[in-house]
Amino acid sequence: RYGHAYAPMDETLTRAAIDISGRPFLVWKSGFSQPRLGEMDTE
């Protein structure tokens, strides 16, 4: 049911925590300094 992980990638570190709860919710604390990555809009 629960899971969490830290994912380092060079100078970057992101963590994620999950509860397979049946109650959908997102807390997003991340962001980008450019509008696109490749052809994908970062927003």
PDB file of all heavy atoms in Angstrom:
ATOM      1  N   ARG A   1       0.799  -1.221   0.000  1.00  0.00           N
ATOM      2  CA  ARG A   1       0.000   0.000   0.000  1.00  0.00           C
ATOM      3  C   ARG A   1       0.835   1.275   0.000  1.00  0.00           C
ATOM      4  O   ARG A   1       0.596   2.172  -0.784  1.00  0.00           O
ATOM      5  CB  ARG A   1      -0.997   0.027   1.167  1.00  0.00           C
ATOM      6  CG  ARG A   1      -1.796   1.324   1.234  1.00  0.00           C
ATOM      7  CD  ARG A   1      -2.842   1.328   2.321  1.00  0.00           C
ATOM      8  NE  ARG A   1      -3.383   2.669   2.528  1.00  0.00           N
ATOM      9  CZ  ARG A   1      -4.357   2.965   3.358  1.00  0.00           C
ATOM     10  NH1 ARG A   1      -4.939   2.014   4.081  1.00  0.00           N
ATOM     11  NH2 ARG A   1      -4.770   4.216   3.481  1.00  0.00           N
ATOM     12  N   TYR A   2       1.801   1.392   0.893  1.00  0.00           N
ATOM     13  CA  TYR A   2       2.623   2.597   0.979  1.00  0.00           C
ATOM     14  C   TYR A   2       3.975   2.377   0.307  1.00  0.00           C
ATOM     15  O   TYR A   2       4.515   1.263   0.317  1.00  0.00           O
ATOM     16  CB  TYR A   2       2.862   2.989   2.445  1.00  0.00           C
ATOM     17  CG  TYR A   2       1.614   3.426   3.162  1.00  0.00           C
ATOM     18  CD1 TYR A   2       0.875   2.523   3.932  1.00  0.00           C
ATOM     19  CD2 TYR A   2       1.160   4.742   3.080  1.00  0.00           C
ATOM     20  CE1 TYR A   2      -0.273   2.909   4.597  1.00  0.00           C
ATOM     21  CE2 TYR A   2       0.015   5.145   3.740  1.00  0.00           C
ATOM     22  CZ  TYR A   2      -0.707   4.230   4.495  1.00  0.00           C
ATOM     23  OH  TYR A   2      -1.853   4.629   5.146  1.00  0.00           O
ATOM     24  N   GLY A   3       4.509   3.449  -0.239  1.00  0.00           N
ATOM     25  CA  GLY A   3       5.840   3.384  -0.816  1.00  0.00           C
ATOM     26  C   GLY A   3       6.465   4.765  -0.837  1.00  0.00           C
ATOM     27  O   GLY A   3       5.762   5.776  -0.891  1.00  0.00           O
ATOM     28  N   HIS A   4       7.774   4.813  -0.755  1.00  0.00           N
ATOM     29  CA  HIS A   4       8.483   6.088  -0.838  1.00  0.00           C
ATOM     30  C   HIS A   4       9.865   5.840  -1.421  1.00  0.00           C
ATOM     31  O   HIS A   4      10.415   4.736  -1.316  1.00  0.00           O
ATOM     32  CB  HIS A   4       8.596   6.764   0.531  1.00  0.00           C
ATOM     33  CG  HIS A   4       9.423   5.990   1.506  1.00  0.00           C
ATOM     34  ND1 HIS A   4       8.903   4.960   2.268  1.00  0.00           N
ATOM     35  CD2 HIS A   4      10.733   6.068   1.831  1.00  0.00           C
ATOM     36  CE1 HIS A   4       9.852   4.467   3.027  1.00  0.00           C
ATOM     37  NE2 HIS A   4      10.978   5.101   2.777  1.00  0.00           N
ATOM     38  N   ALA A   5      10.406   6.869  -2.053  1.00  0.00           N
ATOM     39  CA  ALA A   5      11.722   6.713  -2.663  1.00  0.00           C
ATOM     40  C   ALA A   5      12.361   8.078  -2.878  1.00  0.00           C
ATOM     41  O   ALA A   5      11.669   9.075  -3.127  1.00  0.00           O
ATOM     42  CB  ALA A   5      11.611   5.986  -4.000  1.00  0.00           C
ATOM     43  N   TYR A   6      13.671   8.100  -2.778  1.00  0.00           N
ATOM     44  CA  TYR A   6      14.480   9.242  -3.190  1.00  0.00           C
ATOM     45  C   TYR A   6      15.182   8.852  -4.482  1.00  0.00           C
ATOM     46  O   TYR A   6      15.719   7.740  -4.580  1.00  0.00           O
ATOM     47  CB  TYR A   6      15.528   9.580  -2.135  1.00  0.00           C
ATOM     48  CG  TYR A   6      15.000  10.269  -0.901  1.00  0.00           C
ATOM     49  CD1 TYR A   6      14.367   9.541   0.106  1.00  0.00           C
ATOM     50  CD2 TYR A   6      15.148  11.637  -0.736  1.00  0.00           C
ATOM     51  CE1 TYR A   6      13.889  10.167   1.249  1.00  0.00           C
ATOM     52  CE2 TYR A   6      14.680  12.276   0.404  1.00  0.00           C
ATOM     53  CZ  TYR A   6      14.055  11.542   1.388  1.00  0.00           C
ATOM     54  OH  TYR A   6      13.588  12.163   2.513  1.00  0.00           O
ATOM     55  N   ALA A   7      15.188   9.756  -5.447  1.00  0.00           N
ATOM     56  CA  ALA A   7      15.874   9.493  -6.711  1.00  0.00           C
ATOM     57  C   ALA A   7      16.874  10.603  -6.993  1.00  0.00           C
ATOM     58  O   ALA A   7      16.495  11.690  -7.430  1.00  0.00           O
ATOM     59  CB  ALA A   7      14.872   9.380  -7.847  1.00  0.00           C
ATOM     60  N   PRO A   8      18.153  10.357  -6.726  1.00  0.00           N
ATOM     61  CA  PRO A   8      19.176  11.336  -7.091  1.00  0.00           C
ATOM     62  C   PRO A   8      19.538  11.198  -8.562  1.00  0.00           C
ATOM     63  O   PRO A   8      19.580  10.096  -9.100  1.00  0.00           O
ATOM     64  CB  PRO A   8      20.355  10.957  -6.190  1.00  0.00           C
ATOM     65  CG  PRO A   8      20.201   9.488  -5.963  1.00  0.00           C
ATOM     66  CD  PRO A   8      18.722   9.199  -6.022  1.00  0.00           C
ATOM     67  N   MET A   9      19.791  12.318  -9.195  1.00  0.00           N
ATOM     68  CA  MET A   9      20.308  12.316 -10.556  1.00  0.00           C
ATOM     69  C   MET A   9      21.278  13.481 -10.679  1.00  0.00           C
ATOM     70  O   MET A   9      20.869  14.636 -10.787  1.00  0.00           O
ATOM     71  CB  MET A   9      19.190  12.421 -11.580  1.00  0.00           C
ATOM     72  CG  MET A   9      19.674  12.183 -12.993  1.00  0.00           C
ATOM     73  SD  MET A   9      18.334  11.920 -14.152  1.00  0.00           S
ATOM     74  CE  MET A   9      19.277  11.553 -15.616  1.00  0.00           C
ATOM     75  N   ASP A  10      22.552  13.162 -10.568  1.00  0.00           N
ATOM     76  CA  ASP A  10      23.609  14.179 -10.547  1.00  0.00           C
ATOM     77  C   ASP A  10      23.304  15.218  -9.470  1.00  0.00           C
ATOM     78  O   ASP A  10      23.214  14.862  -8.300  1.00  0.00           O
ATOM     79  CB  ASP A  10      23.790  14.809 -11.931  1.00  0.00           C
ATOM     80  CG  ASP A  10      24.303  13.802 -12.958  1.00  0.00           C
ATOM     81  OD1 ASP A  10      24.656  12.680 -12.567  1.00  0.00           O
ATOM     82  OD2 ASP A  10      24.341  14.140 -14.147  1.00  0.00           O
ATOM     83  N   GLU A  11      23.071  16.463  -9.847  1.00  0.00           N
ATOM     84  CA  GLU A  11      22.890  17.540  -8.857  1.00  0.00           C
ATOM     85  C   GLU A  11      21.463  17.620  -8.314  1.00  0.00           C
ATOM     86  O   GLU A  11      21.173  18.434  -7.438  1.00  0.00           O
ATOM     87  CB  GLU A  11      23.276  18.895  -9.489  1.00  0.00           C
ATOM     88  CG  GLU A  11      22.188  19.623 -10.258  1.00  0.00           C
ATOM     89  CD  GLU A  11      21.643  18.889 -11.484  1.00  0.00           C
ATOM     90  OE1 GLU A  11      22.297  17.963 -11.996  1.00  0.00           O
ATOM     91  OE2 GLU A  11      20.544  19.262 -11.937  1.00  0.00           O
ATOM     92  N   THR A  12      20.587  16.768  -8.810  1.00  0.00           N
ATOM     93  CA  THR A  12      19.157  16.843  -8.485  1.00  0.00           C
ATOM     94  C   THR A  12      18.753  15.706  -7.554  1.00  0.00           C
ATOM     95  O   THR A  12      19.236  14.584  -7.683  1.00  0.00           O
ATOM     96  CB  THR A  12      18.329  16.767  -9.780  1.00  0.00           C
ATOM     97  OG1 THR A  12      18.648  17.881 -10.600  1.00  0.00           O
ATOM     98  CG2 THR A  12      16.829  16.782  -9.485  1.00  0.00           C
ATOM     99  N   LEU A  13      17.852  16.018  -6.620  1.00  0.00           N
ATOM    100  CA  LEU A  13      17.285  14.995  -5.736  1.00  0.00           C
ATOM    101  C   LEU A  13      15.785  15.225  -5.614  1.00  0.00           C
ATOM    102  O   LEU A  13      15.336  16.307  -5.233  1.00  0.00           O
ATOM    103  CB  LEU A  13      17.922  15.045  -4.347  1.00  0.00           C
ATOM    104  CG  LEU A  13      17.432  13.989  -3.348  1.00  0.00           C
ATOM    105  CD1 LEU A  13      17.797  12.586  -3.823  1.00  0.00           C
ATOM    106  CD2 LEU A  13      18.011  14.252  -1.963  1.00  0.00           C
ATOM    107  N   THR A  14      15.024  14.182  -5.942  1.00  0.00           N
ATOM    108  CA  THR A  14      13.561  14.228  -5.838  1.00  0.00           C
ATOM    109  C   THR A  14      13.087  13.060  -4.991  1.00  0.00           C
ATOM    110  O   THR A  14      13.635  11.964  -5.080  1.00  0.00           O
ATOM    111  CB  THR A  14      12.906  14.162  -7.229  1.00  0.00           C
ATOM    112  OG1 THR A  14      13.353  15.270  -8.021  1.00  0.00           O
ATOM    113  CG2 THR A  14      11.386  14.221  -7.123  1.00  0.00           C
ATOM    114  N   ARG A  15      12.076  13.315  -4.182  1.00  0.00           N
ATOM    115  CA  ARG A  15      11.475  12.225  -3.417  1.00  0.00           C
ATOM    116  C   ARG A  15       9.993  12.106  -3.774  1.00  0.00           C
ATOM    117  O   ARG A  15       9.340  13.083  -4.130  1.00  0.00           O
ATOM    118  CB  ARG A  15      11.640  12.439  -1.915  1.00  0.00           C
ATOM    119  CG  ARG A  15      10.881  13.620  -1.351  1.00  0.00           C
ATOM    120  CD  ARG A  15      11.161  13.769   0.138  1.00  0.00           C
ATOM    121  NE  ARG A  15      10.654  15.040   0.651  1.00  0.00           N
ATOM    122  CZ  ARG A  15      11.061  15.585   1.788  1.00  0.00           C
ATOM    123  NH1 ARG A  15      11.987  14.988   2.528  1.00  0.00           N
ATOM    124  NH2 ARG A  15      10.552  16.734   2.193  1.00  0.00           N
ATOM    125  N   ALA A  16       9.501  10.893  -3.666  1.00  0.00           N
ATOM    126  CA  ALA A  16       8.088  10.616  -3.897  1.00  0.00           C
ATOM    127  C   ALA A  16       7.577   9.707  -2.790  1.00  0.00           C
ATOM    128  O   ALA A  16       8.297   8.821  -2.325  1.00  0.00           O
ATOM    129  CB  ALA A  16       7.878   9.948  -5.252  1.00  0.00           C
ATOM    130  N   ALA A  17       6.345   9.951  -2.379  1.00  0.00           N
ATOM    131  CA  ALA A  17       5.679   9.100  -1.390  1.00  0.00           C
ATOM    132  C   ALA A  17       4.273   8.798  -1.897  1.00  0.00           C
ATOM    133  O   ALA A  17       3.589   9.688  -2.412  1.00  0.00           O
ATOM    134  CB  ALA A  17       5.620   9.786  -0.030  1.00  0.00           C
ATOM    135  N   ILE A  18       3.870   7.548  -1.749  1.00  0.00           N
ATOM    136  CA  ILE A  18       2.608   7.063  -2.307  1.00  0.00           C
ATOM    137  C   ILE A  18       1.794   6.346  -1.237  1.00  0.00           C
ATOM    138  O   ILE A  18       2.339   5.603  -0.416  1.00  0.00           O
ATOM    139  CB  ILE A  18       2.877   6.066  -3.453  1.00  0.00           C
ATOM    140  CG1 ILE A  18       3.324   6.797  -4.713  1.00  0.00           C
ATOM    141  CG2 ILE A  18       1.658   5.214  -3.761  1.00  0.00           C
ATOM    142  CD1 ILE A  18       3.605   5.849  -5.856  1.00  0.00           C
ATOM    143  N   ASP A  19       0.495   6.561  -1.301  1.00  0.00           N
ATOM    144  CA  ASP A  19      -0.463   5.738  -0.571  1.00  0.00           C
ATOM    145  C   ASP A  19      -1.510   5.290  -1.583  1.00  0.00           C
ATOM    146  O   ASP A  19      -2.215   6.127  -2.165  1.00  0.00           O
ATOM    147  CB  ASP A  19      -1.112   6.547   0.555  1.00  0.00           C
ATOM    148  CG  ASP A  19      -2.198   5.784   1.299  1.00  0.00           C
ATOM    149  OD1 ASP A  19      -2.318   4.557   1.117  1.00  0.00           O
ATOM    150  OD2 ASP A  19      -2.945   6.436   2.075  1.00  0.00           O
ATOM    151  N   ILE A  20      -1.591   3.998  -1.826  1.00  0.00           N
ATOM    152  CA  ILE A  20      -2.634   3.468  -2.713  1.00  0.00           C
ATOM    153  C   ILE A  20      -3.905   3.399  -1.883  1.00  0.00           C
ATOM    154  O   ILE A  20      -4.282   2.361  -1.345  1.00  0.00           O
ATOM    155  CB  ILE A  20      -2.233   2.100  -3.296  1.00  0.00           C
ATOM    156  CG1 ILE A  20      -0.936   2.234  -4.083  1.00  0.00           C
ATOM    157  CG2 ILE A  20      -3.340   1.567  -4.216  1.00  0.00           C
ATOM    158  CD1 ILE A  20      -0.404   0.935  -4.639  1.00  0.00           C
ATOM    159  N   SER A  21      -4.546   4.531  -1.771  1.00  0.00           N
ATOM    160  CA  SER A  21      -5.571   4.770  -0.764  1.00  0.00           C
ATOM    161  C   SER A  21      -6.988   4.734  -1.306  1.00  0.00           C
ATOM    162  O   SER A  21      -7.943   4.627  -0.535  1.00  0.00           O
ATOM    163  CB  SER A  21      -5.347   6.164  -0.157  1.00  0.00           C
ATOM    164  OG  SER A  21      -5.404   7.147  -1.193  1.00  0.00           O
ATOM    165  N   GLY A  22      -7.142   4.871  -2.626  1.00  0.00           N
ATOM    166  CA  GLY A  22      -8.474   5.088  -3.173  1.00  0.00           C
ATOM    167  C   GLY A  22      -8.906   6.537  -3.054  1.00  0.00           C
ATOM    168  O   GLY A  22     -10.016   6.887  -3.452  1.00  0.00           O
ATOM    169  N   ARG A  23      -8.028   7.387  -2.505  1.00  0.00           N
ATOM    170  CA  ARG A  23      -8.316   8.824  -2.361  1.00  0.00           C
ATOM    171  C   ARG A  23      -7.288   9.589  -3.198  1.00  0.00           C
ATOM    172  O   ARG A  23      -6.189   9.869  -2.726  1.00  0.00           O
ATOM    173  CB  ARG A  23      -8.233   9.258  -0.895  1.00  0.00           C
ATOM    174  CG  ARG A  23      -9.275   8.590  -0.005  1.00  0.00           C
ATOM    175  CD  ARG A  23      -9.250   9.155   1.406  1.00  0.00           C
ATOM    176  NE  ARG A  23      -7.939   9.115   2.013  1.00  0.00           N
ATOM    177  CZ  ARG A  23      -7.420   8.039   2.621  1.00  0.00           C
ATOM    178  NH1 ARG A  23      -8.109   6.917   2.672  1.00  0.00           N
ATOM    179  NH2 ARG A  23      -6.208   8.089   3.146  1.00  0.00           N
ATOM    180  N   PRO A  24      -7.642   9.932  -4.423  1.00  0.00           N
ATOM    181  CA  PRO A  24      -6.677  10.585  -5.306  1.00  0.00           C
ATOM    182  C   PRO A  24      -6.296  11.974  -4.802  1.00  0.00           C
ATOM    183  O   PRO A  24      -7.167  12.776  -4.439  1.00  0.00           O
ATOM    184  CB  PRO A  24      -7.421  10.696  -6.633  1.00  0.00           C
ATOM    185  CG  PRO A  24      -8.608   9.814  -6.529  1.00  0.00           C
ATOM    186  CD  PRO A  24      -8.936   9.700  -5.078  1.00  0.00           C
ATOM    187  N   PHE A  25      -4.998  12.242  -4.783  1.00  0.00           N
ATOM    188  CA  PHE A  25      -4.522  13.570  -4.377  1.00  0.00           C
ATOM    189  C   PHE A  25      -3.072  13.701  -4.832  1.00  0.00           C
ATOM    190  O   PHE A  25      -2.308  12.740  -4.774  1.00  0.00           O
ATOM    191  CB  PHE A  25      -4.599  13.749  -2.858  1.00  0.00           C
ATOM    192  CG  PHE A  25      -4.597  15.191  -2.435  1.00  0.00           C
ATOM    193  CD1 PHE A  25      -5.782  15.898  -2.345  1.00  0.00           C
ATOM    194  CD2 PHE A  25      -3.413  15.842  -2.155  1.00  0.00           C
ATOM    195  CE1 PHE A  25      -5.790  17.229  -1.964  1.00  0.00           C
ATOM    196  CE2 PHE A  25      -3.404  17.170  -1.777  1.00  0.00           C
ATOM    197  CZ  PHE A  25      -4.597  17.871  -1.679  1.00  0.00           C
ATOM    198  N   LEU A  26      -2.716  14.885  -5.289  1.00  0.00           N
ATOM    199  CA  LEU A  26      -1.334  15.157  -5.662  1.00  0.00           C
ATOM    200  C   LEU A  26      -0.837  16.384  -4.926  1.00  0.00           C
ATOM    201  O   LEU A  26      -1.482  17.432  -4.924  1.00  0.00           O
ATOM    202  CB  LEU A  26      -1.195  15.416  -7.170  1.00  0.00           C
ATOM    203  CG  LEU A  26       0.208  15.863  -7.624  1.00  0.00           C
ATOM    204  CD1 LEU A  26       1.228  14.730  -7.479  1.00  0.00           C
ATOM    205  CD2 LEU A  26       0.176  16.390  -9.056  1.00  0.00           C
ATOM    206  N   VAL A  27       0.321  16.247  -4.295  1.00  0.00           N
ATOM    207  CA  VAL A  27       1.093  17.384  -3.819  1.00  0.00           C
ATOM    208  C   VAL A  27       2.334  17.449  -4.704  1.00  0.00           C
ATOM    209  O   VAL A  27       3.098  16.485  -4.773  1.00  0.00           O
ATOM    210  CB  VAL A  27       1.488  17.247  -2.337  1.00  0.00           C
ATOM    211  CG1 VAL A  27       2.413  18.394  -1.927  1.00  0.00           C
ATOM    212  CG2 VAL A  27       0.242  17.218  -1.467  1.00  0.00           C
ATOM    213  N   TRP A  28       2.512  18.557  -5.393  1.00  0.00           N
ATOM    214  CA  TRP A  28       3.601  18.715  -6.361  1.00  0.00           C
ATOM    215  C   TRP A  28       4.455  19.899  -5.947  1.00  0.00           C
ATOM    216  O   TRP A  28       3.979  21.036  -5.925  1.00  0.00           O
ATOM    217  CB  TRP A  28       3.013  18.930  -7.746  1.00  0.00           C
ATOM    218  CG  TRP A  28       4.013  19.218  -8.830  1.00  0.00           C
ATOM    219  CD1 TRP A  28       4.389  20.441  -9.298  1.00  0.00           C
ATOM    220  CD2 TRP A  28       4.756  18.258  -9.600  1.00  0.00           C
ATOM    221  NE1 TRP A  28       5.309  20.306 -10.313  1.00  0.00           N
ATOM    222  CE2 TRP A  28       5.556  18.978 -10.514  1.00  0.00           C
ATOM    223  CE3 TRP A  28       4.816  16.863  -9.596  1.00  0.00           C
ATOM    224  CZ2 TRP A  28       6.408  18.346 -11.421  1.00  0.00           C
ATOM    225  CZ3 TRP A  28       5.661  16.237 -10.499  1.00  0.00           C
ATOM    226  CH2 TRP A  28       6.446  16.968 -11.395  1.00  0.00           C
ATOM    227  N   LYS A  29       5.684  19.630  -5.590  1.00  0.00           N
ATOM    228  CA  LYS A  29       6.631  20.688  -5.231  1.00  0.00           C
ATOM    229  C   LYS A  29       7.879  20.512  -6.096  1.00  0.00           C
ATOM    230  O   LYS A  29       8.902  20.008  -5.650  1.00  0.00           O
ATOM    231  CB  LYS A  29       6.967  20.637  -3.741  1.00  0.00           C
ATOM    232  CG  LYS A  29       5.766  20.942  -2.850  1.00  0.00           C
ATOM    233  CD  LYS A  29       6.140  21.021  -1.387  1.00  0.00           C
ATOM    234  CE  LYS A  29       4.927  21.397  -0.543  1.00  0.00           C
ATOM    235  NZ  LYS A  29       5.287  21.519   0.897  1.00  0.00           N
ATOM    236  N   SER A  30       7.723  20.877  -7.337  1.00  0.00           N
ATOM    237  CA  SER A  30       8.805  20.807  -8.286  1.00  0.00           C
ATOM    238  C   SER A  30       8.573  21.906  -9.309  1.00  0.00           C
ATOM    239  O   SER A  30       7.506  22.520  -9.327  1.00  0.00           O
ATOM    240  CB  SER A  30       8.847  19.428  -8.962  1.00  0.00           C
ATOM    241  OG  SER A  30      10.022  19.274  -9.728  1.00  0.00           O
ATOM    242  N   GLY A  31       9.550  22.160 -10.134  1.00  0.00           N
ATOM    243  CA  GLY A  31       9.386  23.212 -11.123  1.00  0.00           C
ATOM    244  C   GLY A  31      10.545  23.244 -12.087  1.00  0.00           C
ATOM    245  O   GLY A  31      11.572  22.569 -11.899  1.00  0.00           O
ATOM    246  N   PHE A  32      10.382  24.039 -13.117  1.00  0.00           N
ATOM    247  CA  PHE A  32      11.343  24.069 -14.218  1.00  0.00           C
ATOM    248  C   PHE A  32      11.672  25.513 -14.575  1.00  0.00           C
ATOM    249  O   PHE A  32      10.845  26.414 -14.422  1.00  0.00           O
ATOM    250  CB  PHE A  32      10.762  23.336 -15.429  1.00  0.00           C
ATOM    251  CG  PHE A  32      10.405  21.907 -15.138  1.00  0.00           C
ATOM    252  CD1 PHE A  32       9.136  21.561 -14.698  1.00  0.00           C
ATOM    253  CD2 PHE A  32      11.348  20.905 -15.267  1.00  0.00           C
ATOM    254  CE1 PHE A  32       8.807  20.256 -14.401  1.00  0.00           C
ATOM    255  CE2 PHE A  32      11.035  19.588 -14.972  1.00  0.00           C
ATOM    256  CZ  PHE A  32       9.771  19.258 -14.540  1.00  0.00           C
ATOM    257  N   SER A  33      12.878  25.713 -15.069  1.00  0.00           N
ATOM    258  CA  SER A  33      13.331  27.049 -15.422  1.00  0.00           C
ATOM    259  C   SER A  33      13.288  27.304 -16.923  1.00  0.00           C
ATOM    260  O   SER A  33      13.707  28.360 -17.379  1.00  0.00           O
ATOM    261  CB  SER A  33      14.760  27.274 -14.899  1.00  0.00           C
ATOM    262  OG  SER A  33      15.652  26.348 -15.502  1.00  0.00           O
ATOM    263  N   GLN A  34      12.787  26.329 -17.679  1.00  0.00           N
ATOM    264  CA  GLN A  34      12.639  26.530 -19.119  1.00  0.00           C
ATOM    265  C   GLN A  34      11.296  25.962 -19.555  1.00  0.00           C
ATOM    266  O   GLN A  34      10.746  25.070 -18.904  1.00  0.00           O
ATOM    267  CB  GLN A  34      13.793  25.859 -19.888  1.00  0.00           C
ATOM    268  CG  GLN A  34      13.855  24.352 -19.769  1.00  0.00           C
ATOM    269  CD  GLN A  34      15.141  23.771 -20.352  1.00  0.00           C
ATOM    270  OE1 GLN A  34      16.235  24.128 -19.929  1.00  0.00           O
ATOM    271  NE2 GLN A  34      15.009  22.877 -21.334  1.00  0.00           N
ATOM    272  N   PRO A  35      10.741  26.497 -20.640  1.00  0.00           N
ATOM    273  CA  PRO A  35       9.386  26.111 -21.028  1.00  0.00           C
ATOM    274  C   PRO A  35       9.270  24.753 -21.695  1.00  0.00           C
ATOM    275  O   PRO A  35       8.180  24.180 -21.745  1.00  0.00           O
ATOM    276  CB  PRO A  35       8.963  27.226 -21.990  1.00  0.00           C
ATOM    277  CG  PRO A  35      10.243  27.746 -22.563  1.00  0.00           C
ATOM    278  CD  PRO A  35      11.250  27.613 -21.456  1.00  0.00           C
ATOM    279  N   ARG A  36      10.381  24.204 -22.231  1.00  0.00           N
ATOM    280  CA  ARG A  36      10.293  22.944 -22.954  1.00  0.00           C
ATOM    281  C   ARG A  36      11.498  22.073 -22.665  1.00  0.00           C
ATOM    282  O   ARG A  36      12.594  22.574 -22.387  1.00  0.00           O
ATOM    283  CB  ARG A  36      10.224  23.190 -24.466  1.00  0.00           C
ATOM    284  CG  ARG A  36       9.107  24.106 -24.891  1.00  0.00           C
ATOM    285  CD  ARG A  36       8.879  24.038 -26.386  1.00  0.00           C
ATOM    286  NE  ARG A  36       7.592  23.404 -26.623  1.00  0.00           N
ATOM    287  CZ  ARG A  36       7.180  22.967 -27.804  1.00  0.00           C
ATOM    288  NH1 ARG A  36       7.952  23.062 -28.853  1.00  0.00           N
ATOM    289  NH2 ARG A  36       5.996  22.424 -27.939  1.00  0.00           N
ATOM    290  N   LEU A  37      11.268  20.777 -22.730  1.00  0.00           N
ATOM    291  CA  LEU A  37      12.333  19.774 -22.714  1.00  0.00           C
ATOM    292  C   LEU A  37      12.149  18.950 -23.970  1.00  0.00           C
ATOM    293  O   LEU A  37      11.124  18.269 -24.125  1.00  0.00           O
ATOM    294  CB  LEU A  37      12.240  18.897 -21.472  1.00  0.00           C
ATOM    295  CG  LEU A  37      12.836  19.488 -20.195  1.00  0.00           C
ATOM    296  CD1 LEU A  37      12.459  18.644 -18.994  1.00  0.00           C
ATOM    297  CD2 LEU A  37      14.346  19.603 -20.306  1.00  0.00           C
ATOM    298  N   GLY A  38      13.126  19.031 -24.881  1.00  0.00           N
ATOM    299  CA  GLY A  38      12.881  18.472 -26.197  1.00  0.00           C
ATOM    300  C   GLY A  38      11.705  19.219 -26.783  1.00  0.00           C
ATOM    301  O   GLY A  38      11.676  20.447 -26.808  1.00  0.00           O
ATOM    302  N   GLU A  39      10.693  18.460 -27.199  1.00  0.00           N
ATOM    303  CA  GLU A  39       9.487  19.104 -27.715  1.00  0.00           C
ATOM    304  C   GLU A  39       8.358  19.143 -26.691  1.00  0.00           C
ATOM    305  O   GLU A  39       7.236  19.551 -27.000  1.00  0.00           O
ATOM    306  CB  GLU A  39       9.024  18.397 -28.991  1.00  0.00           C
ATOM    307  CG  GLU A  39       8.401  17.025 -28.796  1.00  0.00           C
ATOM    308  CD  GLU A  39       9.388  15.875 -28.656  1.00  0.00           C
ATOM    309  OE1 GLU A  39      10.524  16.100 -28.196  1.00  0.00           O
ATOM    310  OE2 GLU A  39       9.020  14.739 -28.988  1.00  0.00           O
ATOM    311  N   MET A  40       8.631  18.731 -25.445  1.00  0.00           N
ATOM    312  CA  MET A  40       7.561  18.656 -24.435  1.00  0.00           C
ATOM    313  C   MET A  40       7.490  19.913 -23.590  1.00  0.00           C
ATOM    314  O   MET A  40       8.501  20.409 -23.089  1.00  0.00           O
ATOM    315  CB  MET A  40       7.763  17.438 -23.527  1.00  0.00           C
ATOM    316  CG  MET A  40       6.637  17.267 -22.536  1.00  0.00           C
ATOM    317  SD  MET A  40       6.588  15.622 -21.816  1.00  0.00           S
ATOM    318  CE  MET A  40       5.314  15.857 -20.570  1.00  0.00           C
ATOM    319  N   ASP A  41       6.264  20.419 -23.422  1.00  0.00           N
ATOM    320  CA  ASP A  41       6.035  21.587 -22.579  1.00  0.00           C
ATOM    321  C   ASP A  41       6.210  21.191 -21.112  1.00  0.00           C
ATOM    322  O   ASP A  41       5.546  20.269 -20.626  1.00  0.00           O
ATOM    323  CB  ASP A  41       4.615  22.136 -22.781  1.00  0.00           C
ATOM    324  CG  ASP A  41       4.373  22.584 -24.216  1.00  0.00           C
ATOM    325  OD1 ASP A  41       5.337  23.040 -24.859  1.00  0.00           O
ATOM    326  OD2 ASP A  41       3.222  22.475 -24.685  1.00  0.00           O
ATOM    327  N   THR A  42       7.080  21.891 -20.399  1.00  0.00           N
ATOM    328  CA  THR A  42       7.374  21.497 -19.016  1.00  0.00           C
ATOM    329  C   THR A  42       6.181  21.712 -18.081  1.00  0.00           C
ATOM    330  O   THR A  42       6.074  21.030 -17.068  1.00  0.00           O
ATOM    331  CB  THR A  42       8.602  22.252 -18.478  1.00  0.00           C
ATOM    332  OG1 THR A  42       8.437  23.654 -18.692  1.00  0.00           O
ATOM    333  CG2 THR A  42       9.876  21.792 -19.163  1.00  0.00           C
ATOM    334  N   GLU A  43       5.274  22.624 -18.417  1.00  0.00           N
ATOM    335  CA  GLU A  43       4.104  22.813 -17.559  1.00  0.00           C
ATOM    336  C   GLU A  43       3.215  21.577 -17.516  1.00  0.00           C
ATOM    337  O   GLU A  43       2.382  21.431 -16.609  1.00  0.00           O
ATOM    338  CB  GLU A  43       3.283  24.017 -18.028  1.00  0.00           C
ATOM    339  CG  GLU A  43       2.528  23.799 -19.332  1.00  0.00           C
ATOM    340  CD  GLU A  43       1.590  24.948 -19.658  1.00  0.00           C
ATOM    341  OE1 GLU A  43       1.588  25.941 -18.909  1.00  0.00           O
ATOM    342  OE2 GLU A  43       0.856  24.835 -20.659  1.00  0.00           O
TER     343      GLU A  43
END
